[in-house]
């Protein structure tokens, strides 16, 4: 999970479950957030501006229509992002002047375009038809595909439902099943994920949050969420240095993340070890082939040799390249 760090998960756990009712811990939590989020741009806290888009008559099944839609978006972005104090272009301006103005306005703009994986591939294919254009705006480089993994999540939930969900009377009393948790949470009964995906997602999120909360309380020695963790050392104070607070997050809370959140299953560990072993064997075989090729390389004036049958290792690449 390279896209999310141990520290980010640790902060989320502290913010979600730990000691929120205590004024001291609330202030400390704010300091933790400031430590790890010092690179947040100043514009992020500002209120977002929502711009409604009209329905346009383009068919996403056709590459030509997708190109027209992306061009329509570029024209729309140009109207939205150009400043009011910018002088308008004359009616008889040339195409080069218009392109220069577009490049000036949209050069640093990056707009995510949401959709499913199939829609992402269609947009990527349409952008490939513009690879020969000179301007990045003409190549639609400021439109960034942002696929929503909705189908992947639905497949995952469907598999989980097959293993852990059964709406029978017996399953309702079977501790550990999703149906048992659904009854405790008083949520909607969802026997099939495809029929009501949103309710299935809410049940899975609630079950995951309950598991993490219970596991953290047991691991940290908390009798209740606003209590004092018995199994953890004394928490840093506001007067402690940033290094001390970072060490507390990574050393103690990060240990819980490694054991209960980012757990490496046995099958994953076996698969990773097998892949590393195969990669090592391939690298060793490649080096052996490379060594055999060097041993049969005849000496020449371009490759300095220390003896008639041995080459310097530093000069092997030069000899092989020749």
C-alpha atoms as a PDB file:
ATOM      1  CA  UNK A   1       0.000   0.000   0.000  1.00  0.00           C
ATOM      2  CA  UNK A   2       2.469   2.571  -1.139  1.00  0.00           C
ATOM      3  CA  UNK A   3      -0.187   5.252  -1.740  1.00  0.00           C
ATOM      4  CA  UNK A   4      -0.856   5.741   1.995  1.00  0.00           C
ATOM      5  CA  UNK A   5       1.726   5.921   4.751  1.00  0.00           C
ATOM      6  CA  UNK A   6       1.821   4.371   8.199  1.00  0.00           C
ATOM      7  CA  UNK A   7       1.803   7.856   9.736  1.00  0.00           C
ATOM      8  CA  UNK A   8      -1.379   8.853   7.891  1.00  0.00           C
ATOM      9  CA  UNK A   9      -3.229   5.767   9.132  1.00  0.00           C
ATOM     10  CA  UNK A  10      -1.917   6.348  12.660  1.00  0.00           C
ATOM     11  CA  UNK A  11      -3.216   9.909  12.652  1.00  0.00           C
ATOM     12  CA  UNK A  12      -6.583   8.766  11.329  1.00  0.00           C
ATOM     13  CA  UNK A  13      -6.870   6.222  14.136  1.00  0.00           C
ATOM     14  CA  UNK A  14      -5.993   8.796  16.784  1.00  0.00           C
ATOM     15  CA  UNK A  15      -8.400  11.322  15.347  1.00  0.00           C
ATOM     16  CA  UNK A  16     -11.250   8.805  14.983  1.00  0.00           C
ATOM     17  CA  UNK A  17     -11.090   6.822  18.211  1.00  0.00           C
ATOM     18  CA  UNK A  18      -8.678   8.164  20.777  1.00  0.00           C
ATOM     19  CA  UNK A  19      -9.448  10.495  23.654  1.00  0.00           C
ATOM     20  CA  UNK A  20     -11.603  12.954  21.702  1.00  0.00           C
ATOM     21  CA  UNK A  21     -13.507  14.139  24.794  1.00  0.00           C
ATOM     22  CA  UNK A  22     -10.403  15.285  26.654  1.00  0.00           C
ATOM     23  CA  UNK A  23      -9.347  18.864  26.070  1.00  0.00           C
ATOM     24  CA  UNK A  24      -5.660  18.021  26.551  1.00  0.00           C
ATOM     25  CA  UNK A  25      -5.752  15.165  24.052  1.00  0.00           C
ATOM     26  CA  UNK A  26      -7.768  17.229  21.581  1.00  0.00           C
ATOM     27  CA  UNK A  27      -5.105  19.941  21.597  1.00  0.00           C
ATOM     28  CA  UNK A  28      -2.381  17.316  21.265  1.00  0.00           C
ATOM     29  CA  UNK A  29      -4.227  15.740  18.329  1.00  0.00           C
ATOM     30  CA  UNK A  30      -4.338  19.138  16.602  1.00  0.00           C
ATOM     31  CA  UNK A  31      -0.575  19.464  17.064  1.00  0.00           C
ATOM     32  CA  UNK A  32      -0.059  15.980  15.571  1.00  0.00           C
ATOM     33  CA  UNK A  33      -2.077  16.955  12.520  1.00  0.00           C
ATOM     34  CA  UNK A  34      -0.099  20.162  12.069  1.00  0.00           C
ATOM     35  CA  UNK A  35       3.205  18.268  12.279  1.00  0.00           C
ATOM     36  CA  UNK A  36       2.404  15.899   9.436  1.00  0.00           C
ATOM     37  CA  UNK A  37       0.436  18.349   7.311  1.00  0.00           C
ATOM     38  CA  UNK A  38       2.767  21.331   7.131  1.00  0.00           C
ATOM     39  CA  UNK A  39       2.876  21.035   3.332  1.00  0.00           C
ATOM     40  CA  UNK A  40      -0.863  21.655   2.862  1.00  0.00           C
ATOM     41  CA  UNK A  41      -1.339  24.583   0.464  1.00  0.00           C
ATOM     42  CA  UNK A  42      -2.988  27.671   1.901  1.00  0.00           C
ATOM     43  CA  UNK A  43      -5.759  27.495  -0.697  1.00  0.00           C
ATOM     44  CA  UNK A  44      -7.071  24.156   0.605  1.00  0.00           C
ATOM     45  CA  UNK A  45      -8.993  25.581   3.597  1.00  0.00           C
ATOM     46  CA  UNK A  46     -10.785  27.967   1.241  1.00  0.00           C
ATOM     47  CA  UNK A  47     -14.349  27.225   0.222  1.00  0.00           C
ATOM     48  CA  UNK A  48     -14.690  25.377  -3.061  1.00  0.00           C
ATOM     49  CA  UNK A  49     -16.570  26.821  -6.006  1.00  0.00           C
ATOM     50  CA  UNK A  50     -18.999  24.388  -7.627  1.00  0.00           C
ATOM     51  CA  UNK A  51     -19.656  24.919 -11.322  1.00  0.00           C
ATOM     52  CA  UNK A  52     -22.475  22.947 -12.896  1.00  0.00           C
ATOM     53  CA  UNK A  53     -21.859  21.342 -16.287  1.00  0.00           C
ATOM     54  CA  UNK A  54     -24.554  20.981 -18.942  1.00  0.00           C
ATOM     55  CA  UNK A  55     -25.411  17.739 -20.706  1.00  0.00           C
ATOM     56  CA  UNK A  56     -23.582  17.631 -24.048  1.00  0.00           C
ATOM     57  CA  UNK A  57     -24.519  15.433 -27.048  1.00  0.00           C
ATOM     58  CA  UNK A  58     -21.385  13.273 -27.248  1.00  0.00           C
ATOM     59  CA  UNK A  59     -21.166   9.490 -27.329  1.00  0.00           C
ATOM     60  CA  UNK A  60     -18.332   8.062 -25.214  1.00  0.00           C
ATOM     61  CA  UNK A  61     -18.311   4.883 -27.336  1.00  0.00           C
ATOM     62  CA  UNK A  62     -16.801   6.841 -30.226  1.00  0.00           C
ATOM     63  CA  UNK A  63     -13.242   8.155 -30.118  1.00  0.00           C
ATOM     64  CA  UNK A  64     -14.145  11.170 -32.255  1.00  0.00           C
ATOM     65  CA  UNK A  65     -16.912  12.164 -29.833  1.00  0.00           C
ATOM     66  CA  UNK A  66     -14.596  11.764 -26.847  1.00  0.00           C
ATOM     67  CA  UNK A  67     -12.091  14.093 -28.541  1.00  0.00           C
ATOM     68  CA  UNK A  68     -14.868  16.614 -29.148  1.00  0.00           C
ATOM     69  CA  UNK A  69     -15.917  16.369 -25.515  1.00  0.00           C
ATOM     70  CA  UNK A  70     -12.352  16.945 -24.293  1.00  0.00           C
ATOM     71  CA  UNK A  71     -12.079  19.946 -26.616  1.00  0.00           C
ATOM     72  CA  UNK A  72     -15.365  21.246 -25.249  1.00  0.00           C
ATOM     73  CA  UNK A  73     -13.918  20.891 -21.733  1.00  0.00           C
ATOM     74  CA  UNK A  74     -10.803  22.823 -22.754  1.00  0.00           C
ATOM     75  CA  UNK A  75     -12.964  25.668 -24.073  1.00  0.00           C
ATOM     76  CA  UNK A  76     -14.997  25.609 -20.877  1.00  0.00           C
ATOM     77  CA  UNK A  77     -11.867  25.622 -18.683  1.00  0.00           C
ATOM     78  CA  UNK A  78     -10.548  28.579 -20.647  1.00  0.00           C
ATOM     79  CA  UNK A  79     -13.659  30.586 -19.813  1.00  0.00           C
ATOM     80  CA  UNK A  80     -13.588  29.593 -16.143  1.00  0.00           C
ATOM     81  CA  UNK A  81      -9.901  30.093 -15.347  1.00  0.00           C
ATOM     82  CA  UNK A  82      -9.066  33.262 -17.235  1.00  0.00           C
ATOM     83  CA  UNK A  83      -8.939  36.305 -14.976  1.00  0.00           C
ATOM     84  CA  UNK A  84     -11.311  39.231 -15.210  1.00  0.00           C
ATOM     85  CA  UNK A  85      -8.541  41.814 -15.571  1.00  0.00           C
ATOM     86  CA  UNK A  86      -7.127  40.052 -18.622  1.00  0.00           C
ATOM     87  CA  UNK A  87      -7.794  42.079 -21.787  1.00  0.00           C
ATOM     88  CA  UNK A  88     -10.086  40.299 -24.260  1.00  0.00           C
ATOM     89  CA  UNK A  89      -8.688  39.083 -27.552  1.00  0.00           C
ATOM     90  CA  UNK A  90      -9.771  40.956 -30.676  1.00  0.00           C
ATOM     91  CA  UNK A  91     -12.322  39.282 -32.924  1.00  0.00           C
ATOM     92  CA  UNK A  92      -9.827  39.053 -35.782  1.00  0.00           C
ATOM     93  CA  UNK A  93      -7.066  37.431 -33.714  1.00  0.00           C
ATOM     94  CA  UNK A  94      -5.018  34.695 -35.275  1.00  0.00           C
ATOM     95  CA  UNK A  95      -5.026  31.051 -34.165  1.00  0.00           C
ATOM     96  CA  UNK A  96      -1.505  31.412 -32.803  1.00  0.00           C
ATOM     97  CA  UNK A  97      -2.613  34.288 -30.545  1.00  0.00           C
ATOM     98  CA  UNK A  98      -5.547  32.238 -29.274  1.00  0.00           C
ATOM     99  CA  UNK A  99      -3.300  29.243 -28.608  1.00  0.00           C
ATOM    100  CA  UNK A 100      -0.812  31.434 -26.743  1.00  0.00           C
ATOM    101  CA  UNK A 101      -3.584  32.830 -24.557  1.00  0.00           C
ATOM    102  CA  UNK A 102      -4.906  29.330 -23.866  1.00  0.00           C
ATOM    103  CA  UNK A 103      -1.437  28.133 -22.939  1.00  0.00           C
ATOM    104  CA  UNK A 104      -0.993  31.090 -20.606  1.00  0.00           C
ATOM    105  CA  UNK A 105      -4.321  30.477 -18.849  1.00  0.00           C
ATOM    106  CA  UNK A 106      -4.403  26.671 -18.787  1.00  0.00           C
ATOM    107  CA  UNK A 107      -0.671  25.890 -18.673  1.00  0.00           C
ATOM    108  CA  UNK A 108      -0.638  25.051 -14.951  1.00  0.00           C
ATOM    109  CA  UNK A 109      -4.246  23.914 -14.605  1.00  0.00           C
ATOM    110  CA  UNK A 110      -4.848  20.240 -13.821  1.00  0.00           C
ATOM    111  CA  UNK A 111      -8.461  19.063 -13.763  1.00  0.00           C
ATOM    112  CA  UNK A 112      -9.373  15.493 -12.686  1.00  0.00           C
ATOM    113  CA  UNK A 113     -11.914  13.768 -14.904  1.00  0.00           C
ATOM    114  CA  UNK A 114     -13.827  11.103 -12.979  1.00  0.00           C
ATOM    115  CA  UNK A 115     -15.314   7.913 -14.358  1.00  0.00           C
ATOM    116  CA  UNK A 116     -15.025   4.144 -14.310  1.00  0.00           C
ATOM    117  CA  UNK A 117     -12.064   2.180 -15.657  1.00  0.00           C
ATOM    118  CA  UNK A 118     -13.618   1.821 -19.111  1.00  0.00           C
ATOM    119  CA  UNK A 119     -14.194   5.556 -19.311  1.00  0.00           C
ATOM    120  CA  UNK A 120     -10.583   6.153 -18.270  1.00  0.00           C
ATOM    121  CA  UNK A 121      -9.370   3.961 -21.130  1.00  0.00           C
ATOM    122  CA  UNK A 122     -11.574   5.825 -23.597  1.00  0.00           C
ATOM    123  CA  UNK A 123     -10.196   9.193 -22.489  1.00  0.00           C
ATOM    124  CA  UNK A 124      -6.625   7.851 -22.642  1.00  0.00           C
ATOM    125  CA  UNK A 125      -7.241   6.551 -26.157  1.00  0.00           C
ATOM    126  CA  UNK A 126      -8.641   9.890 -27.253  1.00  0.00           C
ATOM    127  CA  UNK A 127      -5.612  11.709 -25.831  1.00  0.00           C
ATOM    128  CA  UNK A 128      -3.291   9.441 -27.823  1.00  0.00           C
ATOM    129  CA  UNK A 129      -4.781  10.821 -31.047  1.00  0.00           C
ATOM    130  CA  UNK A 130      -3.405  14.247 -30.057  1.00  0.00           C
ATOM    131  CA  UNK A 131       0.166  13.176 -29.288  1.00  0.00           C
ATOM    132  CA  UNK A 132       1.433  14.915 -32.420  1.00  0.00           C
ATOM    133  CA  UNK A 133       0.143  18.351 -31.357  1.00  0.00           C
ATOM    134  CA  UNK A 134       2.624  21.025 -30.280  1.00  0.00           C
ATOM    135  CA  UNK A 135       0.793  22.513 -27.287  1.00  0.00           C
ATOM    136  CA  UNK A 136       0.181  20.578 -24.048  1.00  0.00           C
ATOM    137  CA  UNK A 137      -3.323  22.038 -24.001  1.00  0.00           C
ATOM    138  CA  UNK A 138      -3.976  20.680 -27.485  1.00  0.00           C
ATOM    139  CA  UNK A 139      -2.771  17.274 -26.246  1.00  0.00           C
ATOM    140  CA  UNK A 140      -5.276  17.485 -23.352  1.00  0.00           C
ATOM    141  CA  UNK A 141      -2.463  17.034 -20.836  1.00  0.00           C
ATOM    142  CA  UNK A 142      -4.231  19.189 -18.233  1.00  0.00           C
ATOM    143  CA  UNK A 143      -7.134  16.696 -18.154  1.00  0.00           C
ATOM    144  CA  UNK A 144      -6.116  13.973 -15.677  1.00  0.00           C
ATOM    145  CA  UNK A 145      -8.010  10.678 -15.678  1.00  0.00           C
ATOM    146  CA  UNK A 146      -9.237   9.829 -12.182  1.00  0.00           C
ATOM    147  CA  UNK A 147     -10.911   6.394 -12.318  1.00  0.00           C
ATOM    148  CA  UNK A 148     -13.350   5.338  -9.625  1.00  0.00           C
ATOM    149  CA  UNK A 149     -12.769   1.722  -8.620  1.00  0.00           C
ATOM    150  CA  UNK A 150     -16.469   1.109  -8.161  1.00  0.00           C
ATOM    151  CA  UNK A 151     -16.540  -2.237  -9.973  1.00  0.00           C
ATOM    152  CA  UNK A 152     -13.516  -3.448  -8.001  1.00  0.00           C
ATOM    153  CA  UNK A 153     -15.141  -2.559  -4.686  1.00  0.00           C
ATOM    154  CA  UNK A 154     -18.373  -4.240  -5.725  1.00  0.00           C
ATOM    155  CA  UNK A 155     -16.506  -7.432  -6.644  1.00  0.00           C
ATOM    156  CA  UNK A 156     -14.678  -7.370  -3.311  1.00  0.00           C
ATOM    157  CA  UNK A 157     -17.898  -6.874  -1.356  1.00  0.00           C
ATOM    158  CA  UNK A 158     -19.631  -9.635  -3.317  1.00  0.00           C
ATOM    159  CA  UNK A 159     -16.867 -12.070  -2.363  1.00  0.00           C
ATOM    160  CA  UNK A 160     -17.038 -11.006   1.291  1.00  0.00           C
ATOM    161  CA  UNK A 161     -20.807 -11.453   1.262  1.00  0.00           C
ATOM    162  CA  UNK A 162     -20.424 -14.997  -0.057  1.00  0.00           C
ATOM    163  CA  UNK A 163     -18.124 -15.865   2.843  1.00  0.00           C
ATOM    164  CA  UNK A 164     -19.508 -13.909   5.806  1.00  0.00           C
ATOM    165  CA  UNK A 165     -23.102 -12.930   5.114  1.00  0.00           C
ATOM    166  CA  UNK A 166     -26.174 -15.129   5.429  1.00  0.00           C
ATOM    167  CA  UNK A 167     -29.601 -13.736   6.241  1.00  0.00           C
ATOM    168  CA  UNK A 168     -30.821 -16.907   7.943  1.00  0.00           C
ATOM    169  CA  UNK A 169     -32.062 -17.007  11.507  1.00  0.00           C
ATOM    170  CA  UNK A 170     -29.101 -19.097  12.630  1.00  0.00           C
ATOM    171  CA  UNK A 171     -26.608 -16.651  11.100  1.00  0.00           C
ATOM    172  CA  UNK A 172     -28.131 -13.823  13.096  1.00  0.00           C
ATOM    173  CA  UNK A 173     -26.923 -15.522  16.287  1.00  0.00           C
ATOM    174  CA  UNK A 174     -23.569 -16.538  14.802  1.00  0.00           C
ATOM    175  CA  UNK A 175     -21.026 -14.108  16.256  1.00  0.00           C
ATOM    176  CA  UNK A 176     -18.545 -12.817  13.693  1.00  0.00           C
ATOM    177  CA  UNK A 177     -20.803 -12.825  10.644  1.00  0.00           C
ATOM    178  CA  UNK A 178     -21.789  -9.638   8.875  1.00  0.00           C
ATOM    179  CA  UNK A 179     -25.456 -10.419   9.385  1.00  0.00           C
ATOM    180  CA  UNK A 180     -24.881 -10.601  13.141  1.00  0.00           C
ATOM    181  CA  UNK A 181     -23.188  -7.183  13.044  1.00  0.00           C
ATOM    182  CA  UNK A 182     -25.971  -5.799  10.841  1.00  0.00           C
ATOM    183  CA  UNK A 183     -28.504  -6.651  13.526  1.00  0.00           C
ATOM    184  CA  UNK A 184     -26.420  -4.908  16.196  1.00  0.00           C
ATOM    185  CA  UNK A 185     -25.970  -1.804  14.008  1.00  0.00           C
ATOM    186  CA  UNK A 186     -29.675  -1.805  13.001  1.00  0.00           C
ATOM    187  CA  UNK A 187     -28.790  -1.351   9.338  1.00  0.00           C
ATOM    188  CA  UNK A 188     -30.650  -2.327   6.179  1.00  0.00           C
ATOM    189  CA  UNK A 189     -30.639  -6.015   5.294  1.00  0.00           C
ATOM    190  CA  UNK A 190     -28.686  -6.536   2.058  1.00  0.00           C
ATOM    191  CA  UNK A 191     -28.604 -10.118   0.836  1.00  0.00           C
ATOM    192  CA  UNK A 192     -27.143  -9.200  -2.578  1.00  0.00           C
ATOM    193  CA  UNK A 193     -24.498  -6.508  -3.022  1.00  0.00           C
ATOM    194  CA  UNK A 194     -25.563  -5.637  -6.577  1.00  0.00           C
ATOM    195  CA  UNK A 195     -29.112  -4.868  -5.441  1.00  0.00           C
ATOM    196  CA  UNK A 196     -28.065  -2.262  -2.872  1.00  0.00           C
ATOM    197  CA  UNK A 197     -24.377  -1.436  -3.101  1.00  0.00           C
ATOM    198  CA  UNK A 198     -24.522   1.677  -0.902  1.00  0.00           C
ATOM    199  CA  UNK A 199     -26.043  -0.167   2.059  1.00  0.00           C
ATOM    200  CA  UNK A 200     -23.513  -2.992   1.689  1.00  0.00           C
ATOM    201  CA  UNK A 201     -20.688  -0.447   1.647  1.00  0.00           C
ATOM    202  CA  UNK A 202     -22.010   1.252   4.808  1.00  0.00           C
ATOM    203  CA  UNK A 203     -22.247  -2.092   6.603  1.00  0.00           C
ATOM    204  CA  UNK A 204     -18.685  -3.048   5.626  1.00  0.00           C
ATOM    205  CA  UNK A 205     -17.319   0.337   6.734  1.00  0.00           C
ATOM    206  CA  UNK A 206     -19.165   0.115  10.043  1.00  0.00           C
ATOM    207  CA  UNK A 207     -17.855  -3.406  10.644  1.00  0.00           C
ATOM    208  CA  UNK A 208     -14.281  -2.346   9.813  1.00  0.00           C
ATOM    209  CA  UNK A 209     -14.475   0.684  12.084  1.00  0.00           C
ATOM    210  CA  UNK A 210     -15.887  -1.440  14.920  1.00  0.00           C
ATOM    211  CA  UNK A 211     -13.050  -3.950  14.494  1.00  0.00           C
ATOM    212  CA  UNK A 212     -10.366  -1.260  14.552  1.00  0.00           C
ATOM    213  CA  UNK A 213     -11.935   0.475  17.545  1.00  0.00           C
ATOM    214  CA  UNK A 214     -12.208  -2.744  19.566  1.00  0.00           C
ATOM    215  CA  UNK A 215      -8.716  -3.881  18.586  1.00  0.00           C
ATOM    216  CA  UNK A 216      -7.170  -0.533  19.524  1.00  0.00           C
ATOM    217  CA  UNK A 217      -8.951  -0.438  22.890  1.00  0.00           C
ATOM    218  CA  UNK A 218      -7.663  -3.920  23.722  1.00  0.00           C
ATOM    219  CA  UNK A 219      -4.153  -3.226  22.410  1.00  0.00           C
ATOM    220  CA  UNK A 220      -3.781   0.152  24.172  1.00  0.00           C
ATOM    221  CA  UNK A 221      -5.509  -0.905  27.409  1.00  0.00           C
ATOM    222  CA  UNK A 222      -8.481   1.439  27.130  1.00  0.00           C
ATOM    223  CA  UNK A 223     -11.608   0.618  29.095  1.00  0.00           C
ATOM    224  CA  UNK A 224     -13.476   3.377  27.250  1.00  0.00           C
ATOM    225  CA  UNK A 225     -12.607   5.745  24.430  1.00  0.00           C
ATOM    226  CA  UNK A 226     -12.151   8.788  26.692  1.00  0.00           C
ATOM    227  CA  UNK A 227      -9.982   6.852  29.168  1.00  0.00           C
ATOM    228  CA  UNK A 228      -6.226   6.722  29.615  1.00  0.00           C
ATOM    229  CA  UNK A 229      -4.295   4.064  27.649  1.00  0.00           C
ATOM    230  CA  UNK A 230      -2.631   1.756  30.175  1.00  0.00           C
ATOM    231  CA  UNK A 231      -0.387  -0.079  27.700  1.00  0.00           C
ATOM    232  CA  UNK A 232       1.065   3.080  26.161  1.00  0.00           C
ATOM    233  CA  UNK A 233       3.750   5.310  27.662  1.00  0.00           C
ATOM    234  CA  UNK A 234       3.103   8.849  28.744  1.00  0.00           C
ATOM    235  CA  UNK A 235       1.822  10.890  25.841  1.00  0.00           C
ATOM    236  CA  UNK A 236       3.877  13.827  24.568  1.00  0.00           C
ATOM    237  CA  UNK A 237       2.919  17.241  25.885  1.00  0.00           C
ATOM    238  CA  UNK A 238       2.565  20.479  23.991  1.00  0.00           C
ATOM    239  CA  UNK A 239       6.019  21.554  25.207  1.00  0.00           C
ATOM    240  CA  UNK A 240       7.778  18.515  23.690  1.00  0.00           C
ATOM    241  CA  UNK A 241       9.681  18.810  20.439  1.00  0.00           C
ATOM    242  CA  UNK A 242       8.357  17.738  17.045  1.00  0.00           C
ATOM    243  CA  UNK A 243      10.848  14.849  16.968  1.00  0.00           C
ATOM    244  CA  UNK A 244       9.423  13.435  20.224  1.00  0.00           C
ATOM    245  CA  UNK A 245       5.868  13.587  18.881  1.00  0.00           C
ATOM    246  CA  UNK A 246       6.873  11.997  15.587  1.00  0.00           C
ATOM    247  CA  UNK A 247       8.663   9.206  17.439  1.00  0.00           C
ATOM    248  CA  UNK A 248       5.552   8.513  19.507  1.00  0.00           C
ATOM    249  CA  UNK A 249       3.399   8.262  16.369  1.00  0.00           C
ATOM    250  CA  UNK A 250       5.760   6.008  14.420  1.00  0.00           C
ATOM    251  CA  UNK A 251       7.000   3.830  17.293  1.00  0.00           C
ATOM    252  CA  UNK A 252       3.815   3.125  19.238  1.00  0.00           C
ATOM    253  CA  UNK A 253       0.755   3.903  17.124  1.00  0.00           C
ATOM    254  CA  UNK A 254       2.609   2.725  14.023  1.00  0.00           C
ATOM    255  CA  UNK A 255       3.173  -0.641  15.715  1.00  0.00           C
ATOM    256  CA  UNK A 256      -0.585  -1.099  16.018  1.00  0.00           C
ATOM    257  CA  UNK A 257      -1.002  -0.225  12.336  1.00  0.00           C
ATOM    258  CA  UNK A 258       1.556  -2.863  11.348  1.00  0.00           C
ATOM    259  CA  UNK A 259      -0.077  -5.542  13.492  1.00  0.00           C
ATOM    260  CA  UNK A 260      -3.786  -4.872  12.928  1.00  0.00           C
ATOM    261  CA  UNK A 261      -4.219  -2.682   9.819  1.00  0.00           C
ATOM    262  CA  UNK A 262      -1.444  -3.286   7.286  1.00  0.00           C
ATOM    263  CA  UNK A 263      -1.226  -6.968   8.091  1.00  0.00           C
ATOM    264  CA  UNK A 264       0.887  -9.080   5.753  1.00  0.00           C
ATOM    265  CA  UNK A 265      -0.837 -12.436   5.308  1.00  0.00           C
ATOM    266  CA  UNK A 266       1.131 -15.668   5.023  1.00  0.00           C
ATOM    267  CA  UNK A 267       0.118 -16.150   1.406  1.00  0.00           C
ATOM    268  CA  UNK A 268       1.278 -12.630   0.592  1.00  0.00           C
ATOM    269  CA  UNK A 269       4.599 -13.204   2.343  1.00  0.00           C
ATOM    270  CA  UNK A 270       5.093 -16.494   0.468  1.00  0.00           C
ATOM    271  CA  UNK A 271       4.241 -14.836  -2.827  1.00  0.00           C
ATOM    272  CA  UNK A 272       6.664 -11.953  -2.213  1.00  0.00           C
ATOM    273  CA  UNK A 273       9.474 -14.308  -1.193  1.00  0.00           C
ATOM    274  CA  UNK A 274       8.889 -16.428  -4.306  1.00  0.00           C
ATOM    275  CA  UNK A 275       8.948 -13.370  -6.539  1.00  0.00           C
ATOM    276  CA  UNK A 276      12.184 -12.110  -4.959  1.00  0.00           C
ATOM    277  CA  UNK A 277      13.731 -15.567  -5.352  1.00  0.00           C
ATOM    278  CA  UNK A 278      12.778 -15.737  -9.022  1.00  0.00           C
ATOM    279  CA  UNK A 279      14.107 -12.247  -9.589  1.00  0.00           C
ATOM    280  CA  UNK A 280      17.411 -13.224  -7.940  1.00  0.00           C
ATOM    281  CA  UNK A 281      17.697 -16.355 -10.078  1.00  0.00           C
ATOM    282  CA  UNK A 282      17.016 -14.378 -13.246  1.00  0.00           C
ATOM    283  CA  UNK A 283      19.589 -11.764 -12.267  1.00  0.00           C
ATOM    284  CA  UNK A 284      22.148 -14.479 -11.468  1.00  0.00           C
ATOM    285  CA  UNK A 285      21.510 -16.203 -14.802  1.00  0.00           C
ATOM    286  CA  UNK A 286      21.870 -12.914 -16.643  1.00  0.00           C
ATOM    287  CA  UNK A 287      25.188 -12.209 -14.915  1.00  0.00           C
ATOM    288  CA  UNK A 288      26.421 -15.718 -15.766  1.00  0.00           C
ATOM    289  CA  UNK A 289      25.526 -15.230 -19.442  1.00  0.00           C
ATOM    290  CA  UNK A 290      27.205 -11.837 -19.387  1.00  0.00           C
ATOM    291  CA  UNK A 291      30.374 -13.362 -17.850  1.00  0.00           C
ATOM    292  CA  UNK A 292      30.487 -16.152 -20.441  1.00  0.00           C
ATOM    293  CA  UNK A 293      30.132 -13.642 -23.256  1.00  0.00           C
ATOM    294  CA  UNK A 294      33.010 -11.592 -21.836  1.00  0.00           C
ATOM    295  CA  UNK A 295      35.251 -14.671 -21.481  1.00  0.00           C
ATOM    296  CA  UNK A 296      34.876 -15.390 -25.204  1.00  0.00           C
ATOM    297  CA  UNK A 297      35.405 -11.753 -26.224  1.00  0.00           C
ATOM    298  CA  UNK A 298      38.639 -11.448 -28.230  1.00  0.00           C
ATOM    299  CA  UNK A 299      41.077  -8.790 -27.022  1.00  0.00           C
ATOM    300  CA  UNK A 300      41.176  -5.580 -29.030  1.00  0.00           C
ATOM    301  CA  UNK A 301      42.816  -2.203 -28.878  1.00  0.00           C
ATOM    302  CA  UNK A 302      39.604  -0.609 -27.543  1.00  0.00           C
ATOM    303  CA  UNK A 303      39.447  -2.867 -24.438  1.00  0.00           C
ATOM    304  CA  UNK A 304      42.499  -2.588 -22.164  1.00  0.00           C
ATOM    305  CA  UNK A 305      43.487  -5.970 -20.715  1.00  0.00           C
ATOM    306  CA  UNK A 306      45.671  -6.953 -17.806  1.00  0.00           C
ATOM    307  CA  UNK A 307      46.392 -10.327 -19.413  1.00  0.00           C
ATOM    308  CA  UNK A 308      45.614 -11.918 -22.797  1.00  0.00           C
ATOM    309  CA  UNK A 309      42.623 -13.809 -21.355  1.00  0.00           C
ATOM    310  CA  UNK A 310      41.185 -11.380 -18.733  1.00  0.00           C
ATOM    311  CA  UNK A 311      39.522  -7.970 -19.035  1.00  0.00           C
ATOM    312  CA  UNK A 312      39.135  -5.266 -16.429  1.00  0.00           C
ATOM    313  CA  UNK A 313      35.566  -5.297 -15.003  1.00  0.00           C
ATOM    314  CA  UNK A 314      35.351  -1.488 -15.293  1.00  0.00           C
ATOM    315  CA  UNK A 315      35.833  -1.701 -19.073  1.00  0.00           C
ATOM    316  CA  UNK A 316      33.472  -4.584 -19.825  1.00  0.00           C
ATOM    317  CA  UNK A 317      30.487  -2.380 -20.671  1.00  0.00           C
ATOM    318  CA  UNK A 318      32.565  -0.370 -23.146  1.00  0.00           C
ATOM    319  CA  UNK A 319      33.770  -3.495 -24.828  1.00  0.00           C
ATOM    320  CA  UNK A 320      30.310  -5.014 -25.005  1.00  0.00           C
ATOM    321  CA  UNK A 321      28.792  -1.803 -26.359  1.00  0.00           C
ATOM    322  CA  UNK A 322      31.344  -1.749 -29.169  1.00  0.00           C
END
